[in-house]
């Protein structure tokens, strides 16, 4: 299972698209952990509504000490074998989770890969900038990491 950890703050304009891109994945074994620091927009409202639509999404109040502290809280709450970090304004390709799981391999190759990275596509529409993570574009094995 993949644990998707998302720290959010003032992500109201983006969070719905991000959550939809996650819940539309072809690979279905995942949980979403949203760690929310106090926002000055409608992030909390949008999130509370979406929580009712998918039981795989859980939300926690963040520690209010920035993105790293929020990610650490997400790690503590995670139950998955794999961890994926996203930001509140990210949108991901529909087969991203499937591609990530495939990158980790099976049998003798499984668990040799300990980290992957993904390509990123940035889109600009007027004053709005959005992006979409694509498929894995790199992998790091245990031998390379050490």
N, C-alpha and C. Protein backbone atom coordinates (compact mmCIF):
# COMPACT_ATOMS: atom_id res chain seq x y z
N UNK A 1 0.84 -1.18 0.00
CA UNK A 1 0.00 0.00 0.00
C UNK A 1 0.89 1.25 0.00
N UNK A 2 0.42 2.28 -0.68
CA UNK A 2 1.11 3.56 -0.74
C UNK A 2 0.45 4.52 0.24
N UNK A 3 1.25 5.18 1.05
CA UNK A 3 0.76 6.27 1.91
C UNK A 3 1.15 7.58 1.24
N UNK A 4 0.15 8.35 0.86
CA UNK A 4 0.37 9.64 0.23
C UNK A 4 0.25 10.70 1.31
N UNK A 5 1.32 11.45 1.54
CA UNK A 5 1.34 12.45 2.60
C UNK A 5 1.35 13.83 1.95
N UNK A 6 0.37 14.64 2.35
CA UNK A 6 0.19 15.95 1.73
C UNK A 6 0.06 17.02 2.81
N UNK A 7 1.09 17.83 3.02
CA UNK A 7 0.93 18.98 3.91
C UNK A 7 0.22 20.09 3.14
N UNK A 8 -0.77 20.72 3.75
CA UNK A 8 -1.48 21.79 3.05
C UNK A 8 -1.64 23.02 3.92
N UNK A 9 -1.60 24.15 3.26
CA UNK A 9 -1.87 25.45 3.88
C UNK A 9 -2.25 26.39 2.75
N UNK A 10 -3.41 27.01 2.86
CA UNK A 10 -3.89 27.94 1.83
C UNK A 10 -3.88 27.29 0.43
N UNK A 11 -4.40 26.08 0.35
CA UNK A 11 -4.43 25.33 -0.91
C UNK A 11 -5.84 25.27 -1.49
N UNK A 12 -6.75 26.11 -1.01
CA UNK A 12 -8.14 26.08 -1.44
C UNK A 12 -8.36 26.02 -2.95
N UNK A 13 -7.66 26.84 -3.74
CA UNK A 13 -7.91 26.82 -5.19
C UNK A 13 -7.44 25.54 -5.89
N UNK A 14 -6.60 24.74 -5.22
CA UNK A 14 -5.97 23.60 -5.88
C UNK A 14 -6.34 22.24 -5.31
N UNK A 15 -6.75 22.20 -4.06
CA UNK A 15 -6.84 20.93 -3.34
C UNK A 15 -7.86 19.97 -3.95
N UNK A 16 -8.94 20.47 -4.49
CA UNK A 16 -9.95 19.58 -5.08
C UNK A 16 -9.39 18.86 -6.30
N UNK A 17 -8.71 19.57 -7.18
CA UNK A 17 -8.11 18.92 -8.35
C UNK A 17 -7.06 17.90 -7.93
N UNK A 18 -6.28 18.24 -6.91
CA UNK A 18 -5.25 17.33 -6.42
C UNK A 18 -5.88 16.05 -5.88
N UNK A 19 -6.89 16.18 -5.03
CA UNK A 19 -7.54 15.00 -4.46
C UNK A 19 -8.22 14.14 -5.53
N UNK A 20 -8.84 14.78 -6.50
CA UNK A 20 -9.47 14.02 -7.59
C UNK A 20 -8.43 13.24 -8.39
N UNK A 21 -7.26 13.84 -8.60
CA UNK A 21 -6.22 13.13 -9.36
C UNK A 21 -5.71 11.92 -8.58
N UNK A 22 -5.72 12.00 -7.27
CA UNK A 22 -5.28 10.87 -6.45
C UNK A 22 -6.35 9.77 -6.43
N UNK A 23 -7.59 10.13 -6.18
CA UNK A 23 -8.64 9.12 -6.05
C UNK A 23 -9.02 8.50 -7.39
N UNK A 24 -8.52 9.04 -8.50
CA UNK A 24 -8.78 8.48 -9.83
C UNK A 24 -7.69 7.51 -10.28
N UNK A 25 -6.75 7.21 -9.43
CA UNK A 25 -5.62 6.36 -9.82
C UNK A 25 -6.07 4.96 -10.23
N UNK A 26 -5.35 4.36 -11.18
CA UNK A 26 -5.64 2.99 -11.59
C UNK A 26 -5.18 2.00 -10.52
N UNK A 27 -4.14 2.32 -9.78
CA UNK A 27 -3.68 1.51 -8.66
C UNK A 27 -4.48 1.97 -7.44
N UNK A 28 -5.21 1.07 -6.82
CA UNK A 28 -6.20 1.46 -5.82
C UNK A 28 -5.78 1.25 -4.36
N UNK A 29 -4.63 0.64 -4.11
CA UNK A 29 -4.22 0.35 -2.73
C UNK A 29 -3.39 1.50 -2.17
N UNK A 30 -4.08 2.50 -1.66
CA UNK A 30 -3.39 3.66 -1.10
C UNK A 30 -4.24 4.28 -0.01
N UNK A 31 -3.57 5.10 0.80
CA UNK A 31 -4.23 5.95 1.77
C UNK A 31 -3.70 7.36 1.54
N UNK A 32 -4.51 8.34 1.88
CA UNK A 32 -4.11 9.73 1.75
C UNK A 32 -4.13 10.35 3.14
N UNK A 33 -3.02 10.94 3.52
CA UNK A 33 -2.91 11.60 4.82
C UNK A 33 -2.67 13.08 4.54
N UNK A 34 -3.67 13.88 4.83
CA UNK A 34 -3.56 15.33 4.65
C UNK A 34 -3.26 15.94 6.01
N UNK A 35 -2.18 16.69 6.07
CA UNK A 35 -1.79 17.38 7.31
C UNK A 35 -1.98 18.87 7.06
N UNK A 36 -2.94 19.45 7.77
CA UNK A 36 -3.36 20.82 7.48
C UNK A 36 -2.90 21.80 8.55
N UNK A 37 -2.07 22.73 8.12
CA UNK A 37 -1.73 23.86 8.97
C UNK A 37 -2.82 24.91 8.82
N UNK A 38 -2.99 25.79 9.80
CA UNK A 38 -4.06 26.80 9.71
C UNK A 38 -3.98 27.59 8.40
N UNK A 39 -5.12 27.67 7.71
CA UNK A 39 -5.21 28.36 6.43
C UNK A 39 -6.08 29.60 6.54
N UNK A 40 -5.84 30.52 5.64
CA UNK A 40 -6.63 31.75 5.60
C UNK A 40 -7.65 31.72 4.46
N UNK A 41 -7.81 30.57 3.84
CA UNK A 41 -8.77 30.43 2.75
C UNK A 41 -9.72 29.27 3.07
N UNK A 42 -10.36 28.73 2.05
CA UNK A 42 -11.37 27.67 2.25
C UNK A 42 -10.80 26.26 2.18
N UNK A 43 -9.50 26.09 2.38
CA UNK A 43 -8.88 24.77 2.30
C UNK A 43 -9.59 23.75 3.21
N UNK A 44 -9.80 24.12 4.46
CA UNK A 44 -10.43 23.21 5.41
C UNK A 44 -11.84 22.82 5.01
N UNK A 45 -12.59 23.77 4.51
CA UNK A 45 -13.97 23.53 4.08
C UNK A 45 -14.01 22.54 2.92
N UNK A 46 -13.17 22.78 1.91
CA UNK A 46 -13.11 21.90 0.74
C UNK A 46 -12.68 20.50 1.17
N UNK A 47 -11.69 20.43 2.03
CA UNK A 47 -11.19 19.15 2.50
C UNK A 47 -12.26 18.38 3.27
N UNK A 48 -12.94 19.03 4.18
CA UNK A 48 -13.99 18.35 4.98
C UNK A 48 -15.07 17.75 4.08
N UNK A 49 -15.47 18.46 3.04
CA UNK A 49 -16.47 17.94 2.10
C UNK A 49 -15.94 16.71 1.37
N UNK A 50 -14.68 16.77 0.94
CA UNK A 50 -14.12 15.66 0.17
C UNK A 50 -13.87 14.43 1.03
N UNK A 51 -13.58 14.63 2.31
CA UNK A 51 -13.36 13.50 3.21
C UNK A 51 -14.56 12.57 3.24
N UNK A 52 -15.74 13.10 3.05
CA UNK A 52 -16.97 12.30 3.08
C UNK A 52 -17.10 11.39 1.87
N UNK A 53 -16.32 11.64 0.82
CA UNK A 53 -16.47 10.88 -0.42
C UNK A 53 -15.54 9.68 -0.54
N UNK A 54 -14.50 9.61 0.30
CA UNK A 54 -13.52 8.53 0.16
C UNK A 54 -12.90 8.22 1.52
N UNK A 55 -13.11 7.00 2.00
CA UNK A 55 -12.64 6.62 3.33
C UNK A 55 -11.12 6.43 3.40
N UNK A 56 -10.46 6.43 2.25
CA UNK A 56 -8.99 6.28 2.25
C UNK A 56 -8.29 7.59 2.60
N UNK A 57 -9.03 8.68 2.70
CA UNK A 57 -8.46 9.98 3.00
C UNK A 57 -8.67 10.30 4.48
N UNK A 58 -7.58 10.62 5.16
CA UNK A 58 -7.64 11.04 6.55
C UNK A 58 -6.97 12.40 6.68
N UNK A 59 -7.46 13.22 7.58
CA UNK A 59 -6.89 14.56 7.77
C UNK A 59 -6.51 14.76 9.22
N UNK A 60 -5.42 15.47 9.42
CA UNK A 60 -4.92 15.78 10.75
C UNK A 60 -4.54 17.25 10.81
N UNK A 61 -4.71 17.84 11.98
CA UNK A 61 -4.24 19.21 12.19
C UNK A 61 -2.72 19.18 12.26
N UNK A 62 -2.10 20.07 11.50
CA UNK A 62 -0.65 20.14 11.48
C UNK A 62 -0.09 20.83 12.71
N UNK A 63 1.20 20.66 12.93
CA UNK A 63 1.85 21.25 14.09
C UNK A 63 2.09 22.75 13.94
N UNK A 64 1.87 23.30 12.75
CA UNK A 64 2.07 24.73 12.54
C UNK A 64 3.53 25.14 12.52
N UNK A 65 4.39 24.19 12.17
CA UNK A 65 5.83 24.47 12.14
C UNK A 65 6.43 24.25 10.75
N UNK A 66 5.60 24.30 9.73
CA UNK A 66 6.11 24.17 8.37
C UNK A 66 5.94 22.80 7.76
N UNK A 67 6.35 22.71 6.51
CA UNK A 67 6.10 21.53 5.70
C UNK A 67 6.85 20.29 6.22
N UNK A 68 8.07 20.44 6.69
CA UNK A 68 8.82 19.28 7.18
C UNK A 68 8.17 18.66 8.42
N UNK A 69 7.74 19.48 9.36
CA UNK A 69 7.07 18.97 10.55
C UNK A 69 5.75 18.30 10.17
N UNK A 70 5.05 18.86 9.19
CA UNK A 70 3.80 18.25 8.74
C UNK A 70 4.06 16.90 8.07
N UNK A 71 5.10 16.82 7.27
CA UNK A 71 5.44 15.53 6.64
C UNK A 71 5.82 14.50 7.69
N UNK A 72 6.56 14.91 8.70
CA UNK A 72 6.93 13.97 9.77
C UNK A 72 5.70 13.44 10.50
N UNK A 73 4.72 14.30 10.74
CA UNK A 73 3.47 13.84 11.35
C UNK A 73 2.77 12.85 10.42
N UNK A 74 2.76 13.13 9.14
CA UNK A 74 2.17 12.21 8.17
C UNK A 74 2.84 10.86 8.18
N UNK A 75 4.15 10.85 8.29
CA UNK A 75 4.88 9.57 8.35
C UNK A 75 4.46 8.79 9.59
N UNK A 76 4.33 9.47 10.72
CA UNK A 76 3.90 8.81 11.96
C UNK A 76 2.52 8.17 11.81
N UNK A 77 1.64 8.80 11.05
CA UNK A 77 0.26 8.32 10.89
C UNK A 77 0.12 7.31 9.76
N UNK A 78 1.14 7.14 8.94
CA UNK A 78 1.03 6.29 7.75
C UNK A 78 1.04 4.81 8.10
N UNK A 79 0.40 4.04 7.22
CA UNK A 79 0.31 2.59 7.39
C UNK A 79 0.88 1.84 6.19
N UNK A 80 1.27 2.57 5.16
CA UNK A 80 1.70 1.95 3.92
C UNK A 80 3.13 1.44 3.92
N UNK A 81 3.40 0.58 2.96
CA UNK A 81 4.75 0.06 2.74
C UNK A 81 5.61 1.11 2.03
N UNK A 82 4.96 1.94 1.21
CA UNK A 82 5.64 2.99 0.46
C UNK A 82 5.08 4.34 0.86
N UNK A 83 5.93 5.38 0.80
CA UNK A 83 5.49 6.73 1.12
C UNK A 83 5.72 7.63 -0.08
N UNK A 84 4.71 8.43 -0.39
CA UNK A 84 4.80 9.40 -1.48
C UNK A 84 4.43 10.77 -0.92
N UNK A 85 5.28 11.75 -1.15
CA UNK A 85 5.01 13.11 -0.73
C UNK A 85 4.47 13.91 -1.91
N UNK A 86 3.36 14.61 -1.68
CA UNK A 86 2.81 15.55 -2.65
C UNK A 86 2.55 16.87 -1.94
N UNK A 87 2.38 17.91 -2.73
CA UNK A 87 2.00 19.21 -2.20
C UNK A 87 0.53 19.46 -2.53
N UNK A 88 -0.07 20.39 -1.83
CA UNK A 88 -1.49 20.67 -1.98
C UNK A 88 -1.91 21.18 -3.34
N UNK A 89 -0.96 21.63 -4.17
CA UNK A 89 -1.31 22.13 -5.50
C UNK A 89 -0.86 21.19 -6.61
N UNK A 90 -0.45 19.97 -6.27
CA UNK A 90 -0.01 19.00 -7.27
C UNK A 90 -1.19 18.27 -7.87
N UNK A 91 -1.07 17.92 -9.13
CA UNK A 91 -2.01 17.05 -9.83
C UNK A 91 -1.16 15.95 -10.43
N UNK A 92 -1.58 14.70 -10.29
CA UNK A 92 -0.76 13.59 -10.77
C UNK A 92 -1.46 12.84 -11.90
N UNK A 93 -0.66 12.22 -12.75
CA UNK A 93 -1.18 11.40 -13.83
C UNK A 93 -1.93 10.20 -13.29
N UNK A 94 -2.94 9.74 -14.01
CA UNK A 94 -3.84 8.69 -13.54
C UNK A 94 -3.15 7.35 -13.29
N UNK A 95 -2.00 7.11 -13.92
CA UNK A 95 -1.28 5.85 -13.72
C UNK A 95 0.01 6.03 -12.92
N UNK A 96 0.13 7.14 -12.23
CA UNK A 96 1.37 7.39 -11.49
C UNK A 96 1.65 6.33 -10.43
N UNK A 97 0.66 5.99 -9.61
CA UNK A 97 0.89 5.00 -8.55
C UNK A 97 1.27 3.65 -9.15
N UNK A 98 0.58 3.27 -10.20
CA UNK A 98 0.86 2.00 -10.89
C UNK A 98 2.32 1.98 -11.38
N UNK A 99 2.74 3.08 -11.99
CA UNK A 99 4.10 3.17 -12.50
C UNK A 99 5.13 3.14 -11.36
N UNK A 100 4.82 3.79 -10.25
CA UNK A 100 5.74 3.76 -9.11
C UNK A 100 5.88 2.36 -8.54
N UNK A 101 4.77 1.68 -8.37
CA UNK A 101 4.81 0.30 -7.86
C UNK A 101 5.61 -0.58 -8.82
N UNK A 102 5.38 -0.43 -10.11
CA UNK A 102 6.14 -1.21 -11.10
C UNK A 102 7.64 -0.92 -11.01
N UNK A 103 8.00 0.32 -10.72
CA UNK A 103 9.41 0.70 -10.63
C UNK A 103 10.12 -0.01 -9.48
N UNK A 104 9.39 -0.39 -8.46
CA UNK A 104 10.00 -1.07 -7.33
C UNK A 104 10.26 -2.54 -7.59
N UNK A 105 9.66 -3.08 -8.64
CA UNK A 105 9.95 -4.45 -9.05
C UNK A 105 9.27 -5.50 -8.19
N UNK A 106 9.52 -6.75 -8.60
CA UNK A 106 8.98 -7.90 -7.88
C UNK A 106 10.08 -8.93 -7.72
N UNK A 107 9.83 -9.94 -6.92
CA UNK A 107 10.78 -11.04 -6.75
C UNK A 107 12.12 -10.55 -6.24
N UNK A 108 13.21 -10.99 -6.90
CA UNK A 108 14.56 -10.63 -6.47
C UNK A 108 14.83 -9.14 -6.58
N UNK A 109 14.16 -8.46 -7.49
CA UNK A 109 14.37 -7.02 -7.67
C UNK A 109 13.65 -6.19 -6.61
N UNK A 110 12.59 -6.76 -6.00
CA UNK A 110 11.82 -6.00 -5.02
C UNK A 110 12.69 -5.60 -3.84
N UNK A 111 12.50 -4.40 -3.38
CA UNK A 111 13.20 -3.82 -2.24
C UNK A 111 14.65 -3.42 -2.52
N UNK A 112 15.17 -3.70 -3.71
CA UNK A 112 16.49 -3.16 -4.06
C UNK A 112 16.35 -1.68 -4.36
N UNK A 113 15.23 -1.29 -4.93
CA UNK A 113 14.98 0.12 -5.22
C UNK A 113 14.38 0.73 -3.96
N UNK A 114 14.96 1.80 -3.48
CA UNK A 114 14.46 2.39 -2.25
C UNK A 114 13.89 3.79 -2.44
N UNK A 115 14.13 4.37 -3.62
CA UNK A 115 13.61 5.72 -3.84
C UNK A 115 13.46 5.94 -5.35
N UNK A 116 12.38 6.61 -5.72
CA UNK A 116 12.21 6.99 -7.12
C UNK A 116 11.97 8.49 -7.19
N UNK A 117 12.19 9.03 -8.36
CA UNK A 117 11.84 10.43 -8.61
C UNK A 117 10.95 10.47 -9.83
N UNK A 118 10.21 11.54 -9.97
CA UNK A 118 9.26 11.64 -11.08
C UNK A 118 9.50 12.92 -11.87
N UNK A 119 9.17 12.85 -13.14
CA UNK A 119 9.22 14.04 -13.97
C UNK A 119 8.08 14.97 -13.59
N UNK A 120 8.17 16.20 -14.01
CA UNK A 120 7.19 17.20 -13.64
C UNK A 120 6.87 18.07 -14.85
N UNK A 121 5.60 18.31 -15.08
CA UNK A 121 5.15 19.17 -16.16
C UNK A 121 4.50 20.39 -15.54
N UNK A 122 5.00 21.56 -15.87
CA UNK A 122 4.47 22.81 -15.32
C UNK A 122 3.62 23.49 -16.39
N UNK A 123 2.41 23.86 -15.99
CA UNK A 123 1.50 24.54 -16.91
C UNK A 123 1.19 25.93 -16.40
N UNK A 124 1.23 26.89 -17.28
CA UNK A 124 0.89 28.26 -16.90
C UNK A 124 -0.32 28.72 -17.71
N UNK A 125 -1.33 29.17 -16.99
CA UNK A 125 -2.55 29.68 -17.61
C UNK A 125 -2.82 31.05 -17.03
N UNK A 126 -2.40 32.08 -17.74
CA UNK A 126 -2.55 33.43 -17.19
C UNK A 126 -1.68 33.58 -15.96
N UNK A 127 -2.28 33.93 -14.85
CA UNK A 127 -1.53 34.07 -13.60
C UNK A 127 -1.46 32.77 -12.82
N UNK A 128 -2.21 31.76 -13.27
CA UNK A 128 -2.23 30.47 -12.56
C UNK A 128 -1.11 29.57 -13.08
N UNK A 129 -0.42 28.93 -12.15
CA UNK A 129 0.60 27.95 -12.50
C UNK A 129 0.19 26.64 -11.85
N UNK A 130 0.12 25.59 -12.64
CA UNK A 130 -0.19 24.28 -12.08
C UNK A 130 0.77 23.27 -12.68
N UNK A 131 0.80 22.11 -12.10
CA UNK A 131 1.72 21.10 -12.59
C UNK A 131 1.15 19.71 -12.45
N UNK A 132 1.77 18.79 -13.14
CA UNK A 132 1.35 17.40 -13.06
C UNK A 132 2.59 16.53 -12.99
N UNK A 133 2.65 15.64 -12.00
CA UNK A 133 3.74 14.70 -11.92
C UNK A 133 3.48 13.60 -12.92
N UNK A 134 4.50 13.25 -13.62
CA UNK A 134 4.39 12.23 -14.65
C UNK A 134 4.88 10.91 -14.09
N UNK A 135 5.43 10.08 -14.92
CA UNK A 135 5.88 8.77 -14.49
C UNK A 135 7.28 8.83 -13.90
N UNK A 136 7.66 7.80 -13.15
CA UNK A 136 9.00 7.79 -12.56
C UNK A 136 10.06 7.99 -13.65
N UNK A 137 11.05 8.82 -13.34
CA UNK A 137 12.13 9.03 -14.30
C UNK A 137 13.49 8.65 -13.73
N UNK A 138 13.49 8.13 -12.53
CA UNK A 138 14.74 7.71 -11.93
C UNK A 138 14.47 6.82 -10.74
N UNK A 139 15.44 5.97 -10.43
CA UNK A 139 15.31 5.08 -9.28
C UNK A 139 16.68 4.93 -8.63
N UNK A 140 16.69 4.73 -7.34
CA UNK A 140 17.92 4.60 -6.58
C UNK A 140 17.88 3.26 -5.86
N UNK A 141 18.89 2.42 -6.07
CA UNK A 141 18.92 1.14 -5.40
C UNK A 141 19.64 1.28 -4.06
N UNK A 142 19.55 0.23 -3.23
CA UNK A 142 20.21 0.26 -1.94
C UNK A 142 21.72 0.38 -2.12
N UNK A 143 22.29 -0.26 -3.13
CA UNK A 143 23.73 -0.19 -3.38
C UNK A 143 24.15 1.23 -3.70
N UNK A 144 23.35 1.95 -4.46
CA UNK A 144 23.67 3.32 -4.85
C UNK A 144 23.47 4.30 -3.71
N UNK A 145 22.54 3.99 -2.83
CA UNK A 145 22.19 4.90 -1.73
C UNK A 145 23.29 4.90 -0.65
N UNK A 146 23.86 3.75 -0.43
CA UNK A 146 24.84 3.59 0.65
C UNK A 146 26.17 4.18 0.31
